Protein backbone atom coordinates (compact mmCIF):
# COMPACT_ATOMS: atom_id res chain seq x y z
CA MET A 1 -16.25 -18.29 -28.28
CA GLN A 2 -18.13 -15.01 -27.98
CA GLU A 3 -18.16 -12.61 -30.92
CA ALA A 4 -14.66 -11.63 -31.99
CA ILE A 5 -13.35 -8.34 -30.61
CA ALA A 6 -11.31 -7.87 -33.80
CA THR A 7 -14.14 -6.39 -35.84
CA VAL A 8 -14.93 -2.76 -36.61
CA ARG A 9 -18.28 -3.02 -34.80
CA ARG A 10 -16.97 -4.61 -31.59
CA THR A 11 -13.92 -2.34 -31.47
CA ARG A 12 -16.08 0.77 -31.74
CA GLU A 13 -18.55 -0.64 -29.25
CA ILE A 14 -15.81 -1.17 -26.64
CA GLN A 15 -14.29 2.24 -27.31
CA ASP A 16 -17.67 3.93 -26.92
CA ARG A 17 -18.56 1.96 -23.78
CA TYR A 18 -15.40 2.98 -21.95
CA GLY A 19 -14.66 6.30 -23.66
CA LEU A 20 -11.49 4.72 -24.97
CA GLN A 21 -9.40 6.24 -27.73
CA ALA A 22 -6.13 4.76 -29.01
CA LYS A 23 -3.13 6.52 -27.51
CA LYS A 24 -0.25 7.29 -29.87
CA LYS A 25 2.29 7.30 -27.00
CA PHE A 26 1.56 3.60 -26.43
CA GLY A 27 1.67 2.79 -30.16
CA GLN A 28 -1.93 1.54 -30.07
CA ASN A 29 -3.55 0.37 -33.30
CA PHE A 30 -6.51 -1.95 -32.81
CA ILE A 31 -6.88 -4.89 -35.23
CA THR A 32 -10.31 -5.15 -36.87
CA GLU A 33 -9.93 -8.41 -38.84
CA PRO A 34 -10.54 -11.61 -36.82
CA GLY A 35 -8.89 -13.86 -39.40
CA VAL A 36 -5.56 -12.11 -38.82
CA VAL A 37 -5.48 -12.50 -35.04
CA GLU A 38 -6.79 -16.07 -35.24
CA LYS A 39 -3.89 -16.97 -37.54
CA ILE A 40 -1.37 -15.27 -35.24
CA ALA A 41 -2.68 -17.28 -32.28
CA ARG A 42 -2.68 -20.49 -34.30
CA SER A 43 0.88 -19.83 -35.50
CA ALA A 44 2.12 -18.94 -32.00
CA ILE A 45 0.76 -21.90 -30.04
CA ASP A 46 1.92 -25.44 -30.74
CA ASP A 47 0.03 -27.15 -27.92
CA PRO A 48 -2.83 -26.14 -25.58
CA SER A 49 -0.51 -26.81 -22.63
CA ASP A 50 1.87 -24.01 -23.74
CA LEU A 51 2.26 -21.05 -21.38
CA VAL A 52 1.62 -17.97 -23.51
CA PHE A 53 2.76 -14.44 -22.75
CA GLU A 54 1.34 -11.50 -24.66
CA ILE A 55 2.94 -8.06 -24.80
CA GLY A 56 0.50 -5.18 -25.22
CA PRO A 57 -2.92 -6.86 -25.42
CA GLY A 58 -4.81 -3.62 -26.07
CA ILE A 59 -8.56 -4.32 -25.91
CA GLY A 60 -8.02 -8.05 -26.36
CA ALA A 61 -8.34 -8.78 -30.08
CA LEU A 62 -5.46 -11.27 -30.08
CA THR A 63 -5.83 -12.12 -26.39
CA GLN A 64 -9.28 -13.54 -27.05
CA PHE A 65 -7.92 -16.16 -29.46
CA LEU A 66 -4.88 -16.90 -27.31
CA CYS A 67 -7.17 -17.66 -24.37
CA GLU A 68 -9.20 -19.99 -26.59
CA LYS A 69 -6.14 -21.95 -27.69
CA ALA A 70 -3.96 -22.04 -24.55
CA GLN A 71 -4.65 -23.10 -20.98
CA LYS A 72 -2.81 -20.10 -19.51
CA VAL A 73 -2.20 -16.60 -20.90
CA VAL A 74 -0.26 -13.85 -19.12
CA ALA A 75 -0.43 -10.37 -20.67
CA PHE A 76 1.84 -7.36 -20.02
CA GLU A 77 -0.04 -4.09 -20.41
CA VAL A 78 1.36 -0.59 -19.86
CA ASP A 79 -1.92 1.36 -20.27
CA PRO A 80 -3.67 1.56 -16.85
CA ARG A 81 -7.07 1.88 -18.54
CA LEU A 82 -6.97 -1.57 -20.07
CA PRO A 83 -6.61 -4.41 -17.49
CA GLU A 84 -10.12 -3.87 -16.15
CA ILE A 85 -11.54 -3.64 -19.68
CA LEU A 86 -9.78 -6.85 -20.71
CA GLN A 87 -11.18 -8.80 -17.79
CA ALA A 88 -14.67 -7.36 -18.28
CA GLU A 89 -14.83 -8.00 -22.02
CA LEU A 90 -13.10 -11.39 -22.10
CA GLY A 91 -14.15 -12.87 -18.77
CA ALA A 92 -11.40 -15.45 -19.20
CA ASP A 93 -10.42 -17.48 -16.15
CA ASN A 94 -7.12 -18.44 -17.80
CA LEU A 95 -5.99 -14.81 -18.29
CA THR A 96 -3.70 -12.85 -15.96
CA VAL A 97 -2.92 -9.21 -16.78
CA ILE A 98 0.23 -7.60 -15.39
CA LEU A 99 0.14 -3.79 -15.43
CA GLN A 100 3.78 -3.08 -16.20
CA ASP A 101 6.04 -1.89 -18.99
CA PHE A 102 7.46 -5.11 -20.42
CA LEU A 103 10.90 -3.55 -20.89
CA GLU A 104 11.05 -2.86 -17.15
CA ALA A 105 9.58 -6.19 -16.02
CA PRO A 106 11.66 -8.95 -14.38
CA VAL A 107 10.80 -11.30 -17.23
CA GLU A 108 12.81 -14.29 -16.00
CA ASP A 109 11.21 -14.11 -12.54
CA ILE A 110 7.70 -13.77 -13.96
CA ILE A 111 8.19 -16.74 -16.26
CA ASP A 112 9.44 -18.80 -13.30
CA GLN A 113 6.37 -17.73 -11.34
CA PHE A 114 3.87 -19.01 -13.91
CA CYS A 115 5.71 -21.81 -15.72
CA GLU A 116 5.16 -25.40 -14.64
CA PRO A 117 7.72 -28.20 -15.19
CA GLY A 118 7.85 -29.33 -18.81
CA GLN A 119 5.73 -26.44 -20.06
CA LYS A 120 6.83 -24.59 -23.21
CA VAL A 121 6.94 -20.80 -22.94
CA ARG A 122 5.78 -18.84 -25.98
CA PHE A 123 5.32 -15.13 -26.61
CA ALA A 124 2.75 -13.64 -28.97
CA SER A 125 2.17 -9.99 -29.67
CA ASN A 126 1.09 -7.20 -31.96
CA LEU A 127 4.16 -5.14 -31.12
CA PRO A 128 4.08 -1.32 -31.00
CA TYR A 129 6.21 -0.23 -33.94
CA TYR A 130 8.38 2.18 -31.99
CA ILE A 131 9.72 -0.44 -29.55
CA THR A 132 9.69 -3.61 -31.67
CA THR A 133 13.46 -4.15 -31.73
CA PRO A 134 14.10 -3.38 -28.02
CA ILE A 135 11.36 -5.82 -27.01
CA LEU A 136 12.63 -8.59 -29.27
CA PHE A 137 16.20 -8.18 -28.11
CA ARG A 138 15.02 -8.16 -24.50
CA LEU A 139 13.65 -11.64 -25.27
CA PHE A 140 16.64 -12.75 -27.37
CA GLU A 141 19.04 -11.85 -24.56
CA SER A 142 16.88 -13.16 -21.75
CA GLY A 143 18.21 -16.00 -19.67
CA ALA A 144 14.73 -17.52 -19.56
CA ASP A 145 13.87 -20.76 -21.34
CA ILE A 146 11.70 -19.32 -24.12
CA ALA A 147 10.61 -21.64 -26.93
CA SER A 148 9.33 -19.10 -29.46
CA VAL A 149 8.09 -15.59 -30.16
CA THR A 150 5.44 -14.82 -32.76
CA ALA A 151 5.02 -11.11 -33.36
CA MET A 152 3.36 -8.68 -35.70
CA MET A 153 5.54 -5.70 -36.55
CA GLN A 154 6.16 -3.09 -39.21
CA LYS A 155 6.77 -4.91 -42.50
CA GLU A 156 10.01 -3.05 -43.13
CA VAL A 157 11.41 -4.31 -39.80
CA ALA A 158 10.14 -7.84 -40.47
CA ASP A 159 11.96 -7.81 -43.81
CA ARG A 160 15.23 -7.05 -42.00
CA PHE A 161 14.71 -9.82 -39.47
CA THR A 162 14.00 -12.41 -42.17
CA ALA A 163 16.40 -11.20 -44.90
CA GLY A 164 19.09 -13.53 -46.24
CA PRO A 165 22.59 -12.77 -47.58
CA GLY A 166 22.59 -10.64 -50.71
CA SER A 167 19.26 -9.00 -49.94
CA PRO A 168 19.24 -5.19 -49.62
CA ASP A 169 17.44 -5.70 -46.29
CA TYR A 170 20.16 -7.99 -44.90
CA ASN A 171 22.11 -6.33 -42.08
CA ALA A 172 23.62 -6.97 -38.64
CA LEU A 173 20.13 -7.47 -37.20
CA SER A 174 19.49 -10.25 -39.72
CA VAL A 175 22.72 -12.05 -38.77
CA ILE A 176 22.18 -11.74 -35.02
CA THR A 177 18.59 -12.95 -35.38
CA ARG A 178 19.72 -16.02 -37.32
CA TYR A 179 22.37 -16.67 -34.68
CA ARG A 180 19.80 -16.71 -31.88
CA THR A 181 16.73 -18.12 -33.64
CA HIS A 182 15.22 -19.96 -36.57
CA VAL A 183 13.13 -17.21 -38.14
CA ARG A 184 10.32 -17.30 -40.71
CA LYS A 185 7.63 -14.93 -41.93
CA VAL A 186 4.10 -16.15 -41.20
CA MET A 187 2.18 -13.60 -43.28
CA ASP A 188 1.93 -10.01 -44.47
CA VAL A 189 -0.81 -7.82 -42.99
CA SER A 190 -2.34 -4.80 -44.71
CA ARG A 191 -2.59 -1.48 -42.90
CA GLN A 192 -6.29 -1.55 -43.82
CA VAL A 193 -7.13 -3.94 -40.94
CA PHE A 194 -6.15 -1.50 -38.16
CA SER A 195 -7.96 1.30 -36.38
CA PRO A 196 -6.56 3.91 -36.36
CA ARG A 197 -4.88 3.02 -39.63
CA PRO A 198 -1.06 3.24 -39.54
CA ASN A 199 0.98 4.63 -42.41
CA VAL A 200 2.70 1.32 -43.17
CA ASP A 201 1.87 -2.35 -43.67
CA SER A 202 2.76 -5.06 -41.15
CA ALA A 203 4.00 -8.63 -41.14
CA VAL A 204 3.91 -11.51 -38.67
CA VAL A 205 7.19 -13.27 -37.90
CA ARG A 206 7.88 -16.36 -35.79
CA PHE A 207 11.21 -16.83 -34.02
CA ASP A 208 12.05 -20.30 -32.65
CA PHE A 209 14.89 -20.00 -30.17
CA ILE A 210 18.17 -21.88 -30.60
CA LYS A 211 19.48 -23.13 -27.28
CA ASP A 212 23.08 -24.00 -28.17
CA HIS A 213 25.29 -21.20 -29.50
CA PRO A 214 28.65 -22.09 -31.03
CA VAL A 215 30.77 -19.03 -30.21
CA ARG A 216 32.79 -17.94 -27.22
CA ASP A 217 31.99 -14.52 -25.75
CA GLU A 218 28.75 -13.77 -27.57
CA LYS A 219 28.91 -10.08 -26.77
CA LEU A 220 32.22 -9.75 -28.59
CA PHE A 221 30.88 -11.76 -31.55
CA ILE A 222 27.84 -9.49 -31.84
CA ASP A 223 30.07 -6.42 -31.60
CA MET A 224 32.11 -7.78 -34.52
CA VAL A 225 29.02 -8.46 -36.64
CA LYS A 226 27.70 -4.95 -36.03
CA ALA A 227 31.10 -3.48 -36.91
CA CYS A 228 31.13 -5.33 -40.24
CA PHE A 229 27.93 -3.50 -41.28
CA VAL A 230 28.78 -0.02 -39.98
CA GLN A 231 29.29 1.31 -43.50
CA ARG A 232 27.36 -0.96 -45.83
CA ARG A 233 28.96 0.34 -49.03
CA LYS A 234 32.46 -0.38 -47.75
CA THR A 235 34.23 -3.72 -47.93
CA ILE A 236 34.43 -5.98 -44.92
CA SER A 237 38.17 -5.25 -44.86
CA ASN A 238 37.54 -1.53 -44.41
CA ASN A 239 34.94 -2.02 -41.70
CA LEU A 240 37.07 -4.51 -39.75
CA ARG A 241 40.11 -2.26 -40.03
CA GLN A 242 38.12 0.61 -38.55
CA TRP A 243 36.80 -1.58 -35.71
CA LEU A 244 40.15 -3.18 -34.87
CA GLN A 245 42.17 0.00 -35.53
CA ASP A 246 44.75 -2.33 -37.06
CA LYS A 247 45.07 -2.70 -40.85
CA GLU A 248 47.46 -5.66 -40.70
CA LEU A 249 45.31 -7.58 -38.21
CA ALA A 250 42.19 -7.05 -40.33
CA ALA A 251 43.98 -8.48 -43.38
CA LYS A 252 45.38 -11.38 -41.34
CA ILE A 253 42.09 -12.57 -39.87
CA LEU A 254 40.28 -12.35 -43.20
CA GLU A 255 42.98 -14.40 -44.88
CA LYS A 256 42.92 -17.00 -42.10
CA ALA A 257 39.14 -17.37 -42.46
CA GLY A 258 39.36 -17.58 -46.24
CA ILE A 259 37.28 -14.45 -46.86
CA ASP A 260 37.88 -12.13 -49.80
CA PRO A 261 38.83 -8.72 -48.31
CA ALA A 262 36.87 -7.07 -51.13
CA ALA A 263 33.65 -8.81 -50.05
CA ARG A 264 30.83 -6.86 -48.41
CA ALA A 265 29.19 -7.98 -45.19
CA GLN A 266 25.72 -8.09 -46.74
CA ASN A 267 26.83 -11.01 -48.94
CA LEU A 268 28.18 -13.19 -46.09
CA ASP A 269 26.05 -15.78 -44.31
CA LEU A 270 25.95 -16.53 -40.59
CA GLU A 271 28.33 -19.50 -40.89
CA THR A 272 30.96 -17.24 -42.51
CA PHE A 273 30.74 -14.70 -39.68
CA ILE A 274 31.08 -17.51 -37.13
CA ARG A 275 34.14 -18.86 -38.97
CA LEU A 276 35.71 -15.41 -39.15
CA TYR A 277 35.23 -14.96 -35.42
CA GLU A 278 36.06 -18.42 -34.09
CA GLU A 279 39.17 -18.99 -36.19
CA ASN A 280 40.52 -15.63 -35.02
CA TYR A 281 39.04 -15.52 -31.52
CA GLU A 282 42.33 -15.08 -29.63
CA ASP A 283 43.55 -12.28 -31.90
CA ILE A 284 40.19 -10.48 -31.75
CA ARG A 285 39.96 -10.93 -28.00
CA LYS A 286 43.45 -9.54 -27.46
CA CYS A 287 42.69 -6.56 -29.64
CA LYS A 288 39.16 -5.83 -28.45
CA GLY A 289 38.03 -8.19 -25.72
CA GLU A 290 40.61 -7.47 -23.04
CA SER A 291 39.79 -3.77 -23.10
CA ARG A 292 36.11 -4.38 -22.52
CA PRO A 293 34.65 -4.26 -18.99
């Protein structure tokens, strides 16, 4: 492999060559530590035959290692300055750059276009902080057959994704993530390895997608989980009562599921939320589901 792009010298060299400055509106922070991006690529790719999608390749620090480890890499880039730079600096025959905002892209169609039978689809990215959650939920809710996502994000957000019951970081996002994926933190990343340097540290998280989901009407289940965390200091009984607009029904469904009405949502695991929902599905659906479009 040619010299790593993820160094201070190479990053400055590329910026000077093309008159390229990081744009805040695109959330651009260039990584200047090759060991970090090499580990992200290694953690994201299980087999060289994997089809790898990258969101926001920037000047190619991570892309370079992805192209070394996978036979095909497809990158979504929103900055019109960068596709030509990526091709010129990487010269990778196995790289395709799509100039499009990922959140507006027909992801399922693009995956179908590039994916061959039996190929595992994996996403890898250094996500812009300001759109981390929308991008991840775009993938979580996609109908595409995605095997995993490995992403670097703001450490505070990573802590919420990976938090377990009882943790102060545990919230509705944590529960929904565990419902859709097996999630684990790969590593923490210091703010010192970015240029320009952000105000916060980062972390890399891998999400392995779960294909079989045990609940009926997932949208209604997710609505219930979110409602249970609306006011974190209040009991689950209070939050459910507010969501259902029915004090007696809230007490009834908690009793049926064997949940202490004085409990707080942040102390309940995924299996408890599933039990609460599934054992009371018909009552919840009648109260909430039938009124939904």
